[in-house]
Amino acid sequence: MQANRVRSERAALKAALKRGTVAIDELLAEPPSLLAAAKLVDLLAALPSYGPVKVARLLEGCRISPVKTVGGLTQRQRSQLLAALRS
């Protein structure tokens, strides 16, 4: 039951990202517990104008593995990714 709740909350969060009502900066800087096990690729792909190729290039440029979870990011990776998204 809890897994279904987490999945639906993640889906709502990704929809809010796509609409632009939630900022990716906030989510990556202080990720909520429901995003700890979420794949970073899926979260980034929910951003407007980000598809699989753009996400892959972004992660490659930041030297982050495409199988990394949001909770598994190091502080260096987190800050590097935020800087790349802002530019």
N, C-alpha and C. Protein backbone atom coordinates (compact mmCIF):
# COMPACT_ATOMS: atom_id res chain seq x y z
N MET A 1 0.81 -1.20 0.00
CA MET A 1 0.00 0.00 0.00
C MET A 1 0.86 1.27 0.00
N GLN A 2 1.93 1.26 0.79
CA GLN A 2 2.79 2.43 0.85
C GLN A 2 3.51 2.65 -0.48
N ALA A 3 3.87 1.57 -1.14
CA ALA A 3 4.55 1.69 -2.44
C ALA A 3 3.65 2.39 -3.46
N ASN A 4 2.37 2.06 -3.45
CA ASN A 4 1.43 2.72 -4.37
C ASN A 4 1.33 4.21 -4.06
N ARG A 5 1.32 4.55 -2.78
CA ARG A 5 1.23 5.96 -2.38
C ARG A 5 2.47 6.72 -2.86
N VAL A 6 3.65 6.11 -2.67
CA VAL A 6 4.89 6.75 -3.09
C VAL A 6 4.91 6.94 -4.60
N ARG A 7 4.48 5.91 -5.34
CA ARG A 7 4.45 6.02 -6.81
C ARG A 7 3.50 7.12 -7.27
N SER A 8 2.34 7.22 -6.65
CA SER A 8 1.39 8.26 -7.07
C SER A 8 1.89 9.65 -6.69
N GLU A 9 2.56 9.78 -5.55
CA GLU A 9 3.13 11.08 -5.17
C GLU A 9 4.28 11.48 -6.10
N ARG A 10 5.09 10.50 -6.50
CA ARG A 10 6.16 10.78 -7.46
C ARG A 10 5.58 11.22 -8.80
N ALA A 11 4.53 10.56 -9.23
CA ALA A 11 3.89 10.92 -10.50
C ALA A 11 3.34 12.34 -10.43
N ALA A 12 2.74 12.70 -9.31
CA ALA A 12 2.21 14.06 -9.14
C ALA A 12 3.34 15.08 -9.14
N LEU A 13 4.46 14.72 -8.54
CA LEU A 13 5.62 15.61 -8.50
C LEU A 13 6.21 15.81 -9.89
N LYS A 14 6.28 14.72 -10.66
CA LYS A 14 6.79 14.83 -12.03
C LYS A 14 5.85 15.66 -12.90
N ALA A 15 4.56 15.52 -12.69
CA ALA A 15 3.59 16.33 -13.44
C ALA A 15 3.75 17.81 -13.09
N ALA A 16 3.99 18.09 -11.82
CA ALA A 16 4.21 19.48 -11.40
C ALA A 16 5.50 20.04 -12.00
N LEU A 17 6.52 19.21 -12.13
CA LEU A 17 7.75 19.63 -12.79
C LEU A 17 7.48 19.98 -14.25
N LYS A 18 6.72 19.13 -14.92
CA LYS A 18 6.41 19.35 -16.33
C LYS A 18 5.62 20.65 -16.52
N ARG A 19 4.71 20.94 -15.59
CA ARG A 19 3.92 22.18 -15.66
C ARG A 19 4.73 23.40 -15.26
N GLY A 20 5.81 23.19 -14.51
CA GLY A 20 6.63 24.30 -14.07
C GLY A 20 6.20 24.88 -12.73
N THR A 21 5.35 24.17 -12.01
CA THR A 21 4.90 24.66 -10.71
C THR A 21 5.84 24.28 -9.58
N VAL A 22 6.77 23.36 -9.85
CA VAL A 22 7.79 22.96 -8.87
C VAL A 22 9.15 23.14 -9.54
N ALA A 23 10.11 23.70 -8.81
CA ALA A 23 11.44 23.94 -9.36
C ALA A 23 12.35 22.74 -9.08
N ILE A 24 13.11 22.34 -10.09
CA ILE A 24 14.03 21.21 -9.94
C ILE A 24 15.13 21.56 -8.94
N ASP A 25 15.48 22.84 -8.84
CA ASP A 25 16.52 23.26 -7.89
C ASP A 25 16.15 22.86 -6.47
N GLU A 26 14.90 23.11 -6.10
CA GLU A 26 14.43 22.79 -4.75
C GLU A 26 14.48 21.28 -4.51
N LEU A 27 14.05 20.52 -5.50
CA LEU A 27 13.99 19.07 -5.34
C LEU A 27 15.37 18.44 -5.23
N LEU A 28 16.33 18.95 -5.99
CA LEU A 28 17.66 18.38 -5.93
C LEU A 28 18.45 18.87 -4.72
N ALA A 29 18.24 20.11 -4.32
CA ALA A 29 18.97 20.65 -3.18
C ALA A 29 18.54 19.97 -1.88
N GLU A 30 17.25 19.81 -1.69
CA GLU A 30 16.69 19.17 -0.50
C GLU A 30 15.63 18.15 -0.94
N PRO A 31 16.05 16.98 -1.43
CA PRO A 31 15.05 16.03 -1.96
C PRO A 31 14.15 15.46 -0.86
N PRO A 32 12.84 15.44 -1.11
CA PRO A 32 11.94 14.80 -0.14
C PRO A 32 12.22 13.30 -0.07
N SER A 33 11.85 12.68 1.02
CA SER A 33 12.16 11.26 1.23
C SER A 33 11.55 10.37 0.14
N LEU A 34 10.44 10.77 -0.45
CA LEU A 34 9.83 9.93 -1.48
C LEU A 34 10.65 9.89 -2.76
N LEU A 35 11.61 10.82 -2.92
CA LEU A 35 12.47 10.82 -4.10
C LEU A 35 13.79 10.10 -3.88
N ALA A 36 14.06 9.64 -2.68
CA ALA A 36 15.36 9.04 -2.37
C ALA A 36 15.70 7.87 -3.30
N ALA A 37 14.74 7.03 -3.60
CA ALA A 37 14.98 5.86 -4.44
C ALA A 37 14.56 6.08 -5.89
N ALA A 38 14.16 7.30 -6.24
CA ALA A 38 13.71 7.58 -7.61
C ALA A 38 14.92 7.72 -8.54
N LYS A 39 14.79 7.22 -9.75
CA LYS A 39 15.86 7.34 -10.74
C LYS A 39 16.00 8.80 -11.16
N LEU A 40 17.21 9.29 -11.18
CA LEU A 40 17.49 10.67 -11.56
C LEU A 40 17.07 10.93 -13.01
N VAL A 41 17.28 9.93 -13.86
CA VAL A 41 16.92 10.05 -15.28
C VAL A 41 15.42 10.34 -15.44
N ASP A 42 14.60 9.63 -14.68
CA ASP A 42 13.15 9.82 -14.77
C ASP A 42 12.74 11.21 -14.30
N LEU A 43 13.38 11.70 -13.25
CA LEU A 43 13.06 13.02 -12.72
C LEU A 43 13.45 14.11 -13.72
N LEU A 44 14.63 13.99 -14.30
CA LEU A 44 15.09 14.99 -15.27
C LEU A 44 14.26 14.95 -16.55
N ALA A 45 13.83 13.76 -16.95
CA ALA A 45 13.02 13.63 -18.16
C ALA A 45 11.65 14.29 -18.00
N ALA A 46 11.24 14.53 -16.76
CA ALA A 46 9.96 15.19 -16.52
C ALA A 46 10.04 16.70 -16.70
N LEU A 47 11.25 17.22 -16.84
CA LEU A 47 11.40 18.66 -17.05
C LEU A 47 10.93 19.04 -18.45
N PRO A 48 10.36 20.23 -18.58
CA PRO A 48 9.96 20.67 -19.92
C PRO A 48 11.18 20.78 -20.83
N SER A 49 11.04 20.34 -22.04
CA SER A 49 12.05 20.34 -23.11
C SER A 49 13.26 19.45 -22.83
N TYR A 50 13.12 18.49 -21.91
CA TYR A 50 14.18 17.52 -21.66
C TYR A 50 13.69 16.14 -22.07
N GLY A 51 14.37 15.57 -23.05
CA GLY A 51 14.06 14.21 -23.48
C GLY A 51 15.22 13.30 -23.13
N PRO A 52 15.16 12.06 -23.58
CA PRO A 52 16.20 11.10 -23.23
C PRO A 52 17.61 11.51 -23.68
N VAL A 53 17.74 12.09 -24.86
CA VAL A 53 19.05 12.47 -25.38
C VAL A 53 19.63 13.64 -24.58
N LYS A 54 18.82 14.64 -24.32
CA LYS A 54 19.29 15.81 -23.57
C LYS A 54 19.66 15.43 -22.13
N VAL A 55 18.87 14.56 -21.52
CA VAL A 55 19.16 14.08 -20.17
C VAL A 55 20.47 13.30 -20.16
N ALA A 56 20.66 12.43 -21.15
CA ALA A 56 21.89 11.64 -21.23
C ALA A 56 23.12 12.54 -21.39
N ARG A 57 23.01 13.56 -22.22
CA ARG A 57 24.13 14.49 -22.41
C ARG A 57 24.42 15.27 -21.13
N LEU A 58 23.38 15.69 -20.46
CA LEU A 58 23.53 16.42 -19.20
C LEU A 58 24.26 15.58 -18.16
N LEU A 59 23.82 14.34 -17.99
CA LEU A 59 24.44 13.46 -17.01
C LEU A 59 25.88 13.13 -17.39
N GLU A 60 26.12 12.93 -18.68
CA GLU A 60 27.48 12.63 -19.14
C GLU A 60 28.40 13.82 -18.87
N GLY A 61 27.90 15.02 -19.12
CA GLY A 61 28.69 16.22 -18.88
C GLY A 61 29.01 16.42 -17.40
N CYS A 62 28.14 15.95 -16.53
CA CYS A 62 28.36 16.06 -15.08
C CYS A 62 29.04 14.82 -14.51
N ARG A 63 29.34 13.87 -15.36
CA ARG A 63 29.96 12.60 -14.94
C ARG A 63 29.12 11.88 -13.88
N ILE A 64 27.83 11.76 -14.19
CA ILE A 64 26.90 11.06 -13.30
C ILE A 64 26.35 9.86 -14.05
N SER A 65 26.34 8.72 -13.40
CA SER A 65 25.84 7.50 -14.01
C SER A 65 24.34 7.62 -14.27
N PRO A 66 23.86 7.12 -15.41
CA PRO A 66 22.43 7.19 -15.72
C PRO A 66 21.56 6.31 -14.82
N VAL A 67 22.16 5.42 -14.05
CA VAL A 67 21.36 4.56 -13.16
C VAL A 67 21.34 5.10 -11.73
N LYS A 68 21.88 6.30 -11.52
CA LYS A 68 21.94 6.91 -10.19
C LYS A 68 20.55 7.30 -9.70
N THR A 69 20.34 7.15 -8.41
CA THR A 69 19.08 7.61 -7.80
C THR A 69 19.29 9.01 -7.25
N VAL A 70 18.19 9.70 -6.99
CA VAL A 70 18.27 11.06 -6.45
C VAL A 70 18.95 11.03 -5.09
N GLY A 71 18.62 10.07 -4.26
CA GLY A 71 19.21 9.96 -2.94
C GLY A 71 20.67 9.52 -2.97
N GLY A 72 21.12 8.94 -4.06
CA GLY A 72 22.48 8.45 -4.17
C GLY A 72 23.48 9.47 -4.70
N LEU A 73 23.01 10.69 -4.99
CA LEU A 73 23.91 11.72 -5.49
C LEU A 73 24.82 12.23 -4.38
N THR A 74 26.08 12.44 -4.72
CA THR A 74 26.99 13.07 -3.76
C THR A 74 26.76 14.57 -3.80
N GLN A 75 27.30 15.28 -2.84
CA GLN A 75 27.14 16.74 -2.81
C GLN A 75 27.77 17.38 -4.04
N ARG A 76 28.93 16.86 -4.48
CA ARG A 76 29.57 17.39 -5.68
C ARG A 76 28.70 17.19 -6.91
N GLN A 77 28.15 15.99 -7.06
CA GLN A 77 27.29 15.70 -8.20
C GLN A 77 26.04 16.58 -8.17
N ARG A 78 25.48 16.75 -6.99
CA ARG A 78 24.27 17.56 -6.83
C ARG A 78 24.54 19.01 -7.25
N SER A 79 25.64 19.60 -6.75
CA SER A 79 25.93 20.99 -7.08
C SER A 79 26.32 21.15 -8.54
N GLN A 80 27.04 20.18 -9.10
CA GLN A 80 27.43 20.24 -10.51
C GLN A 80 26.18 20.15 -11.41
N LEU A 81 25.26 19.28 -11.04
CA LEU A 81 24.03 19.12 -11.82
C LEU A 81 23.18 20.38 -11.75
N LEU A 82 23.06 20.97 -10.58
CA LEU A 82 22.30 22.22 -10.43
C LEU A 82 22.91 23.33 -11.26
N ALA A 83 24.25 23.43 -11.26
CA ALA A 83 24.93 24.46 -12.05
C ALA A 83 24.68 24.23 -13.54
N ALA A 84 24.72 22.99 -14.00
CA ALA A 84 24.49 22.69 -15.41
C ALA A 84 23.05 22.99 -15.81
N LEU A 85 22.10 22.74 -14.92
CA LEU A 85 20.70 23.02 -15.23
C LEU A 85 20.43 24.51 -15.28
N ARG A 86 21.13 25.28 -14.49
CA ARG A 86 20.92 26.75 -14.48
C ARG A 86 21.48 27.41 -15.72
N SER A 87 22.52 26.82 -16.32
CA SER A 87 23.15 27.45 -17.49
C SER A 87 22.47 27.10 -18.78
